[in-house]
Structures are given as C-alpha cells and as structure tokens.
PDB file of N, CA and C in Angstrom:
ATOM      1  N   MET A   1     144.012  82.457  -4.802  1.00  0.00           N
ATOM      2  CA  MET A   1     144.772  81.877  -4.896  1.00  0.00           C
ATOM      3  C   MET A   1     145.610  81.877  -3.432  1.00  0.00           C
ATOM      4  N   GLU A   2     145.296  82.686  -2.585  1.00  0.00           N
ATOM      5  CA  GLU A   2     145.913  82.771  -1.273  1.00  0.00           C
ATOM      6  C   GLU A   2     145.173  81.547  -0.490  1.00  0.00           C
ATOM      7  N   ALA A   3     143.708  81.292  -0.666  1.00  0.00           N
ATOM      8  CA  ALA A   3     143.137  80.279  -0.103  1.00  0.00           C
ATOM      9  C   ALA A   3     143.846  78.830  -0.319  1.00  0.00           C
ATOM     10  N   LEU A   4     144.311  78.765  -1.836  1.00  0.00           N
ATOM     11  CA  LEU A   4     144.818  77.385  -2.143  1.00  0.00           C
ATOM     12  C   LEU A   4     146.171  77.383  -1.429  1.00  0.00           C
ATOM     13  N   THR A   5     146.997  78.474  -1.581  1.00  0.00           N
ATOM     14  CA  THR A   5     148.483  78.137  -0.881  1.00  0.00           C
ATOM     15  C   THR A   5     147.986  78.008   0.749  1.00  0.00           C
ATOM     16  N   THR A   6     147.049  78.540   1.260  1.00  0.00           N
ATOM     17  CA  THR A   6     146.735  78.336   2.866  1.00  0.00           C
ATOM     18  C   THR A   6     146.518  76.888   2.945  1.00  0.00           C
ATOM     19  N   THR A   7     145.463  76.229   2.026  1.00  0.00           N
ATOM     20  CA  THR A   7     144.874  75.054   2.153  1.00  0.00           C
ATOM     21  C   THR A   7     146.148  73.968   1.909  1.00  0.00           C
ATOM     22  N   LYS A   8     147.103  74.307   1.051  1.00  0.00           N
ATOM     23  CA  LYS A   8     148.432  73.382   0.587  1.00  0.00           C
ATOM     24  C   LYS A   8     149.124  73.266   1.880  1.00  0.00           C
ATOM     25  N   HIS A   9     149.406  74.416   2.550  1.00  0.00           N
ATOM     26  CA  HIS A   9     150.290  74.383   3.756  1.00  0.00           C
ATOM     27  C   HIS A   9     149.629  73.707   4.688  1.00  0.00           C
ATOM     28  N   GLU A  10     148.285  73.871   4.830  1.00  0.00           N
ATOM     29  CA  GLU A  10     147.528  73.104   5.930  1.00  0.00           C
ATOM     30  C   GLU A  10     147.597  71.610   5.815  1.00  0.00           C
ATOM     31  N   LEU A  11     147.526  71.189   4.468  1.00  0.00           N
ATOM     32  CA  LEU A  11     147.486  69.760   4.021  1.00  0.00           C
ATOM     33  C   LEU A  11     148.801  69.072   4.264  1.00  0.00           C
ATOM     34  N   ILE A  12     150.133  69.957   4.032  1.00  0.00           N
ATOM     35  CA  ILE A  12     151.366  69.426   4.149  1.00  0.00           C
ATOM     36  C   ILE A  12     151.624  69.100   5.814  1.00  0.00           C
ATOM     37  N   SER A  13     151.040  70.302   6.338  1.00  0.00           N
ATOM     38  CA  SER A  13     151.338  70.029   7.973  1.00  0.00           C
ATOM     39  C   SER A  13     150.503  68.741   8.337  1.00  0.00           C
ATOM     40  N   LEU A  14     149.476  68.772   8.060  1.00  0.00           N
ATOM     41  CA  LEU A  14     148.523  67.512   8.723  1.00  0.00           C
ATOM     42  C   LEU A  14     149.348  66.197   7.997  1.00  0.00           C
ATOM     43  N   LEU A  15     149.919  66.012   6.883  1.00  0.00           N
ATOM     44  CA  LEU A  15     150.449  64.876   6.591  1.00  0.00           C
ATOM     45  C   LEU A  15     151.714  64.825   7.166  1.00  0.00           C
ATOM     46  N   GLN A  16     152.372  65.688   7.516  1.00  0.00           N
ATOM     47  CA  GLN A  16     153.636  65.328   8.257  1.00  0.00           C
ATOM     48  C   GLN A  16     153.297  64.882   9.612  1.00  0.00           C
ATOM     49  N   ASP A  17     152.230  65.220  10.279  1.00  0.00           N
ATOM     50  CA  ASP A  17     151.874  65.014  11.660  1.00  0.00           C
ATOM     51  C   ASP A  17     151.124  63.640  11.725  1.00  0.00           C
ATOM     52  N   THR A  18     150.770  63.157  10.587  1.00  0.00           N
ATOM     53  CA  THR A  18     150.030  61.720  10.678  1.00  0.00           C
ATOM     54  C   THR A  18     150.908  60.562  10.323  1.00  0.00           C
ATOM     55  N   GLN A  19     150.689  59.517  11.017  1.00  0.00           N
ATOM     56  CA  GLN A  19     151.388  58.298  11.131  1.00  0.00           C
ATOM     57  C   GLN A  19     150.854  57.309  10.094  1.00  0.00           C
ATOM     58  N   PHE A  20     151.272  56.845   9.083  1.00  0.00           N
ATOM     59  CA  PHE A  20     150.697  55.908   8.138  1.00  0.00           C
ATOM     60  C   PHE A  20     150.949  54.462   8.292  1.00  0.00           C
ATOM     61  N   ASP A  21     151.532  54.276   9.239  1.00  0.00           N
ATOM     62  CA  ASP A  21     152.224  52.899   9.490  1.00  0.00           C
ATOM     63  C   ASP A  21     150.922  51.713   9.699  1.00  0.00           C
ATOM     64  N   HIS A  22     149.620  52.308   9.893  1.00  0.00           N
ATOM     65  CA  HIS A  22     148.677  51.315  10.087  1.00  0.00           C
ATOM     66  C   HIS A  22     148.125  50.846   8.786  1.00  0.00           C
ATOM     67  N   LEU A  23     148.536  51.419   7.817  1.00  0.00           N
ATOM     68  CA  LEU A  23     148.041  51.136   6.377  1.00  0.00           C
ATOM     69  C   LEU A  23     149.003  49.974   5.646  1.00  0.00           C
ATOM     70  N   SER A  24     148.189  49.159   4.874  1.00  0.00           N
ATOM     71  CA  SER A  24     149.230  47.936   4.363  1.00  0.00           C
ATOM     72  C   SER A  24     150.054  48.951   3.146  1.00  0.00           C
ATOM     73  N   HIS A  25     151.046  47.988   2.995  1.00  0.00           N
ATOM     74  CA  HIS A  25     151.859  48.356   1.878  1.00  0.00           C
ATOM     75  C   HIS A  25     151.226  48.918   0.579  1.00  0.00           C
ATOM     76  N   LYS A  26     150.376  48.278  -0.023  1.00  0.00           N
ATOM     77  CA  LYS A  26     149.516  48.533  -0.967  1.00  0.00           C
ATOM     78  C   LYS A  26     148.742  49.825  -0.842  1.00  0.00           C
ATOM     79  N   GLU A  27     148.173  50.035   0.431  1.00  0.00           N
ATOM     80  CA  GLU A  27     147.362  51.286   0.512  1.00  0.00           C
ATOM     81  C   GLU A  27     148.463  52.713   0.677  1.00  0.00           C
ATOM     82  N   GLN A  28     149.723  52.304   1.147  1.00  0.00           N
ATOM     83  CA  GLN A  28     150.673  53.531   1.202  1.00  0.00           C
ATOM     84  C   GLN A  28     151.148  53.930  -0.200  1.00  0.00           C
ATOM     85  N   ILE A  29     151.289  52.874  -0.800  1.00  0.00           N
ATOM     86  CA  ILE A  29     151.527  53.345  -2.234  1.00  0.00           C
ATOM     87  C   ILE A  29     150.386  54.026  -2.855  1.00  0.00           C
ATOM     88  N   ARG A  30     149.286  53.289  -2.851  1.00  0.00           N
ATOM     89  CA  ARG A  30     147.959  54.273  -3.433  1.00  0.00           C
ATOM     90  C   ARG A  30     147.813  55.816  -2.694  1.00  0.00           C
ATOM     91  N   LEU A  31     148.179  55.820  -1.531  1.00  0.00           N
ATOM     92  CA  LEU A  31     148.089  57.063  -0.949  1.00  0.00           C
ATOM     93  C   LEU A  31     149.084  58.029  -1.254  1.00  0.00           C
ATOM     94  N   ARG A  32     150.379  57.333  -1.485  1.00  0.00           N
ATOM     95  CA  ARG A  32     151.493  58.159  -2.363  1.00  0.00           C
ATOM     96  C   ARG A  32     151.352  58.792  -3.511  1.00  0.00           C
ATOM     97  N   GLU A  33     150.636  57.835  -4.235  1.00  0.00           N
ATOM     98  CA  GLU A  33     150.337  58.120  -5.852  1.00  0.00           C
ATOM     99  C   GLU A  33     149.278  59.024  -5.885  1.00  0.00           C
ATOM    100  N   TYR A  34     148.204  59.224  -4.976  1.00  0.00           N
ATOM    101  CA  TYR A  34     146.892  60.223  -4.866  1.00  0.00           C
ATOM    102  C   TYR A  34     147.654  61.354  -4.264  1.00  0.00           C
ATOM    103  N   LEU A  35     148.718  61.569  -3.293  1.00  0.00           N
ATOM    104  CA  LEU A  35     149.176  62.802  -3.008  1.00  0.00           C
ATOM    105  C   LEU A  35     150.235  63.245  -3.932  1.00  0.00           C
ATOM    106  N   ALA A  36     150.778  62.565  -4.819  1.00  0.00           N
ATOM    107  CA  ALA A  36     151.439  63.069  -5.771  1.00  0.00           C
ATOM    108  C   ALA A  36     150.786  63.872  -6.729  1.00  0.00           C
ATOM    109  N   GLN A  37     149.475  63.266  -7.170  1.00  0.00           N
ATOM    110  CA  GLN A  37     148.808  63.743  -8.113  1.00  0.00           C
ATOM    111  C   GLN A  37     148.110  65.115  -7.457  1.00  0.00           C
ATOM    112  N   ILE A  38     147.927  65.176  -6.132  1.00  0.00           N
ATOM    113  CA  ILE A  38     147.417  66.612  -5.741  1.00  0.00           C
ATOM    114  C   ILE A  38     148.694  67.535  -5.812  1.00  0.00           C
ATOM    115  N   VAL A  39     149.747  67.071  -5.410  1.00  0.00           N
ATOM    116  CA  VAL A  39     150.944  68.053  -5.606  1.00  0.00           C
ATOM    117  C   VAL A  39     151.004  68.672  -6.893  1.00  0.00           C
ATOM    118  N   SER A  40     150.701  67.630  -8.054  1.00  0.00           N
ATOM    119  CA  SER A  40     151.019  68.045  -9.511  1.00  0.00           C
ATOM    120  C   SER A  40     150.019  69.261  -9.849  1.00  0.00           C
ATOM    121  N   THR A  41     148.920  68.768  -9.299  1.00  0.00           N
ATOM    122  CA  THR A  41     147.750  69.813  -9.612  1.00  0.00           C
ATOM    123  C   THR A  41     147.846  71.254  -9.016  1.00  0.00           C
ATOM    124  N   LEU A  42     148.309  71.177  -7.553  1.00  0.00           N
ATOM    125  CA  LEU A  42     148.672  72.352  -7.089  1.00  0.00           C
ATOM    126  C   LEU A  42     149.914  73.021  -7.870  1.00  0.00           C
ATOM    127  N   GLN A  43     150.650  72.325  -8.194  1.00  0.00           N
ATOM    128  CA  GLN A  43     151.860  72.999  -9.063  1.00  0.00           C
ATOM    129  C   GLN A  43     151.353  73.575 -10.257  1.00  0.00           C
ATOM    130  N   ASP A  44     150.629  72.769 -10.924  1.00  0.00           N
ATOM    131  CA  ASP A  44     150.048  73.138 -12.136  1.00  0.00           C
ATOM    132  C   ASP A  44     149.194  74.476 -12.057  1.00  0.00           C
ATOM    133  N   VAL A  45     148.298  74.475 -11.176  1.00  0.00           N
ATOM    134  CA  VAL A  45     147.536  75.703 -10.892  1.00  0.00           C
ATOM    135  C   VAL A  45     148.263  76.796 -10.635  1.00  0.00           C
ATOM    136  N   SER A  46     149.160  76.579  -9.985  1.00  0.00           N
ATOM    137  CA  SER A  46     150.290  77.751  -9.352  1.00  0.00           C
ATOM    138  C   SER A  46     151.020  78.393 -10.449  1.00  0.00           C
ATOM    139  N   GLU A  47     151.528  77.373 -11.313  1.00  0.00           N
ATOM    140  CA  GLU A  47     152.201  77.766 -12.575  1.00  0.00           C
ATOM    141  C   GLU A  47     151.336  78.750 -13.179  1.00  0.00           C
ATOM    142  N   ARG A  48     150.173  78.310 -13.816  1.00  0.00           N
ATOM    143  CA  ARG A  48     149.256  78.953 -14.657  1.00  0.00           C
ATOM    144  C   ARG A  48     148.715  80.248 -14.126  1.00  0.00           C
ATOM    145  N   HIS A  49     148.622  80.430 -12.576  1.00  0.00           N
ATOM    146  CA  HIS A  49     148.241  81.565 -12.035  1.00  0.00           C
ATOM    147  C   HIS A  49     149.470  82.469 -12.264  1.00  0.00           C
ATOM    148  N   ARG A  50     150.730  82.054 -11.958  1.00  0.00           N
ATOM    149  CA  ARG A  50     151.764  82.830 -12.107  1.00  0.00           C
ATOM    150  C   ARG A  50     152.069  83.460 -13.541  1.00  0.00           C
ATOM    151  N   MET A  51     151.861  82.577 -14.723  1.00  0.00           N
ATOM    152  CA  MET A  51     151.967  83.110 -15.847  1.00  0.00           C
ATOM    153  C   MET A  51     150.848  83.951 -16.285  1.00  0.00           C
ATOM    154  N   GLN A  52     149.660  84.116 -15.828  1.00  0.00           N
ATOM    155  CA  GLN A  52     148.649  84.911 -16.014  1.00  0.00           C
ATOM    156  C   GLN A  52     148.998  86.438 -15.386  1.00  0.00           C
ATOM    157  N   HIS A  53     149.698  86.351 -14.213  1.00  0.00           N
ATOM    158  CA  HIS A  53     149.955  87.485 -13.524  1.00  0.00           C
ATOM    159  C   HIS A  53     151.447  88.103 -13.845  1.00  0.00           C
ATOM    160  N   THR A  54     152.200  87.422 -14.717  1.00  0.00           N
ATOM    161  CA  THR A  54     153.505  87.697 -14.993  1.00  0.00           C
ATOM    162  C   THR A  54     153.421  88.797 -16.292  1.00  0.00           C
ATOM    163  N   PRO A  55     153.979  89.975 -16.468  1.00  0.00           N
ATOM    164  CA  PRO A  55     153.805  90.681 -17.519  1.00  0.00           C
ATOM    165  C   PRO A  55     154.866  89.946 -18.592  1.00  0.00           C
ATOM    166  N   GLN A  56     154.294  89.904 -19.856  1.00  0.00           N
ATOM    167  CA  GLN A  56     154.848  89.257 -20.923  1.00  0.00           C
ATOM    168  C   GLN A  56     155.662  90.439 -21.530  1.00  0.00           C
ATOM    169  N   VAL A  57     156.909  89.960 -21.638  1.00  0.00           N
ATOM    170  CA  VAL A  57     158.067  90.983 -22.504  1.00  0.00           C
ATOM    171  C   VAL A  57     157.748  90.669 -23.941  1.00  0.00           C
ATOM    172  N   SER A  58     157.618  91.872 -24.429  1.00  0.00           N
ATOM    173  CA  SER A  58     157.708  91.704 -26.194  1.00  0.00           C
ATOM    174  C   SER A  58     159.078  91.606 -26.601  1.00  0.00           C
ATOM    175  N   ARG A  59     158.996  90.452 -27.703  1.00  0.00           N
ATOM    176  CA  ARG A  59     160.193  90.150 -28.303  1.00  0.00           C
ATOM    177  C   ARG A  59     160.260  90.523 -29.871  1.00  0.00           C
ATOM    178  N   HIS A  60     160.568  91.672 -29.962  1.00  0.00           N
ATOM    179  CA  HIS A  60     160.540  92.214 -31.584  1.00  0.00           C
ATOM    180  C   HIS A  60     161.973  92.166 -32.200  1.00  0.00           C
TER     181      HIS A  60
END
C-alpha cells in the first residue's frame, strides 16, 4: 500500500508541474476524465485497504 501512496504523490506532483496548454480543448477534457478515473480508483483501493485493516466493532 505504501508503494501505491508513493506513486499517487509522484503522479500528483508530476501533473502539477506539467502544462497542458498545448492540448486541444477536447484533449484536455479527455485527460481530466481519465485523471478523475485514476483518482476514483486510488480512493476505492485506499478505502478497501482501510476497511480490511480497521478492526470491526461487534454490535450486539
């Protein structure tokens, strides 16, 4: 999981340092959609990992 977190931070840093002005409007939209899918996937994986490693409280 640490490798995923490191990769996520490296990707965020890379994207913040990159200018996308040379892309057409349509390409920028596609890139944003693609990046949103990546973020969603990372959040899902992170949430599943957290749920697996969080002790479940018994509710009797």
